[in-house]
Amino acid sequence: MIQRIQSIYLLIAVIVSGILPIFLPLYTLSNGTEVSFMDNIAFVVLFVFSATLSIVTIFSYKRRQNQFVLNRLNIILNLILLGLFVYQSLNLPGEDEISEKGIGMILPIISIVFLSLANRAVKKDEDLVKSADRLR
């Protein structure tokens, strides 16, 4: 059952959380220095944990309730990551000019969207199974 639509959504969430942060900068300082997620250990841990949690969720397809809970936990984790990005961008030390925010700052938002779509598909599958059990 790995070919279900929620598995595709979760695979996209793995790509957004696990692969794209390597290539996309979070922001660029006013002196032209690009800051990646590897510069802060908290960002590294949260991105890796989010990608790992999405992979675990893909392979827990037999337990839909567990999959639903893991997706919600991953959404909360991405909200924490987004909050850290906002905190970091508002408290950049020693800047006279405004730095340029990179596309890496919106990666948790993209991940949250695909995790929510996966949760909606899991809920639809669960409702379908419950309705089939009623007919027996």
Protein backbone atom coordinates (compact mmCIF):
# COMPACT_ATOMS: atom_id res chain seq x y z
CA MET A 1 0.00 0.00 0.00
CA ILE A 2 2.97 2.31 -0.44
CA GLN A 3 1.46 3.52 -3.72
CA ARG A 4 -1.27 5.50 -1.93
CA ILE A 5 -1.52 9.25 -2.44
CA GLN A 6 -0.47 10.04 1.13
CA SER A 7 2.79 8.22 0.48
CA ILE A 8 3.44 10.58 -2.43
CA TYR A 9 2.70 13.58 -0.22
CA LEU A 10 5.00 12.23 2.48
CA LEU A 11 7.75 11.58 -0.08
CA ILE A 12 7.50 15.20 -1.19
CA ALA A 13 7.73 16.23 2.50
CA VAL A 14 10.90 14.10 2.82
CA ILE A 15 12.41 15.85 -0.20
CA VAL A 16 11.46 19.29 1.15
CA SER A 17 12.79 18.56 4.66
CA GLY A 18 15.73 16.33 3.88
CA ILE A 19 17.20 17.23 0.49
CA LEU A 20 16.28 20.82 -0.40
CA PRO A 21 17.83 22.45 2.71
CA ILE A 22 21.22 21.20 1.54
CA PHE A 23 21.00 23.21 -1.67
CA LEU A 24 18.94 26.27 -0.69
CA PRO A 25 20.28 29.06 1.58
CA LEU A 26 18.15 30.24 4.48
CA TYR A 27 19.11 33.88 4.08
CA THR A 28 21.88 36.11 2.78
CA LEU A 29 23.57 38.63 5.03
CA SER A 30 24.12 42.22 3.91
CA ASN A 31 27.79 41.48 3.18
CA GLY A 32 26.81 38.74 0.69
CA THR A 33 27.43 35.72 2.93
CA GLU A 34 24.87 32.96 2.42
CA VAL A 35 23.73 31.21 5.59
CA SER A 36 22.66 27.58 5.22
CA PHE A 37 20.89 25.31 7.68
CA MET A 38 24.23 23.64 8.51
CA ASP A 39 25.36 26.76 10.38
CA ASN A 40 22.98 26.12 13.29
CA ILE A 41 22.82 22.72 15.00
CA ALA A 42 19.16 23.20 15.98
CA PHE A 43 18.18 23.62 12.33
CA VAL A 44 20.13 20.49 11.37
CA VAL A 45 18.52 18.39 14.09
CA LEU A 46 15.00 19.60 13.31
CA PHE A 47 15.31 19.13 9.55
CA VAL A 48 16.80 15.64 9.92
CA PHE A 49 14.20 14.62 12.51
CA SER A 50 11.40 15.90 10.29
CA ALA A 51 12.67 13.97 7.27
CA THR A 52 13.19 10.82 9.35
CA LEU A 53 9.72 11.09 10.84
CA SER A 54 8.24 11.40 7.35
CA ILE A 55 10.10 8.27 6.20
CA VAL A 56 8.87 6.34 9.25
CA THR A 57 5.34 7.54 8.54
CA ILE A 58 5.51 6.31 4.93
CA PHE A 59 6.25 2.78 6.09
CA SER A 60 3.62 2.70 8.84
CA TYR A 61 0.82 2.39 6.28
CA LYS A 62 -0.83 -0.57 8.04
CA ARG A 63 -1.52 1.51 11.15
CA ARG A 64 -3.44 4.51 9.86
CA GLN A 65 -4.11 6.03 13.29
CA ASN A 66 -0.39 5.87 14.07
CA GLN A 67 0.34 7.47 10.70
CA PHE A 68 -2.11 10.27 11.47
CA VAL A 69 -0.48 10.96 14.86
CA LEU A 70 3.05 10.91 13.42
CA ASN A 71 1.99 13.40 10.75
CA ARG A 72 0.58 15.74 13.38
CA LEU A 73 3.80 15.44 15.39
CA ASN A 74 5.75 16.29 12.24
CA ILE A 75 3.54 19.32 11.61
CA ILE A 76 4.24 20.54 15.16
CA LEU A 77 7.96 19.96 14.59
CA ASN A 78 7.86 22.04 11.41
CA LEU A 79 5.96 24.81 13.22
CA ILE A 80 8.75 24.88 15.83
CA LEU A 81 11.30 25.07 13.01
CA LEU A 82 9.36 27.90 11.39
CA GLY A 83 9.25 29.72 14.74
CA LEU A 84 13.03 29.37 15.06
CA PHE A 85 13.44 30.81 11.56
CA VAL A 86 11.28 33.79 12.43
CA TYR A 87 13.16 34.33 15.70
CA GLN A 88 16.51 34.03 13.94
CA SER A 89 15.55 36.42 11.16
CA LEU A 90 14.26 39.05 13.60
CA ASN A 91 17.35 38.86 15.81
CA LEU A 92 20.23 38.90 13.33
CA PRO A 93 23.10 40.47 15.25
CA GLY A 94 24.91 43.59 14.09
CA GLU A 95 23.10 44.31 10.86
CA ASP A 96 22.90 47.88 9.67
CA GLU A 97 21.08 46.88 6.51
CA ILE A 98 18.28 44.39 6.06
CA SER A 99 19.43 40.96 4.94
CA GLU A 100 17.78 39.11 2.08
CA LYS A 101 15.65 36.15 3.14
CA GLY A 102 16.16 33.02 1.09
CA ILE A 103 13.74 30.39 -0.12
CA GLY A 104 15.01 28.06 2.58
CA MET A 105 12.95 29.99 5.12
CA ILE A 106 9.67 28.77 3.59
CA LEU A 107 10.60 25.08 3.43
CA PRO A 108 8.76 24.27 6.69
CA ILE A 109 5.60 25.90 5.29
CA ILE A 110 5.78 23.73 2.16
CA SER A 111 6.36 20.67 4.32
CA ILE A 112 3.38 21.54 6.53
CA VAL A 113 1.14 21.83 3.46
CA PHE A 114 2.11 18.38 2.18
CA LEU A 115 1.84 16.82 5.64
CA SER A 116 -1.66 18.26 5.98
CA LEU A 117 -2.62 16.84 2.58
CA ALA A 118 -1.26 13.46 3.69
CA ASN A 119 -3.31 13.66 6.88
CA ARG A 120 -6.43 14.40 4.86
CA ALA A 121 -5.78 11.34 2.67
CA VAL A 122 -5.16 9.13 5.75
CA LYS A 123 -8.45 10.34 7.24
CA LYS A 124 -10.24 9.57 3.98
CA ASP A 125 -8.79 6.03 3.97
CA GLU A 126 -9.79 5.51 7.59
CA ASP A 127 -13.35 6.65 6.86
CA LEU A 128 -13.50 4.31 3.86
CA VAL A 129 -12.40 1.34 5.98
CA LYS A 130 -14.94 2.19 8.69
CA SER A 131 -17.75 2.42 6.14
CA ALA A 132 -16.78 -0.94 4.65
CA ASP A 133 -16.80 -2.51 8.12
CA ARG A 134 -20.35 -1.24 8.64
CA LEU A 135 -21.59 -3.07 5.59
CA ARG A 136 -20.46 -6.52 6.78
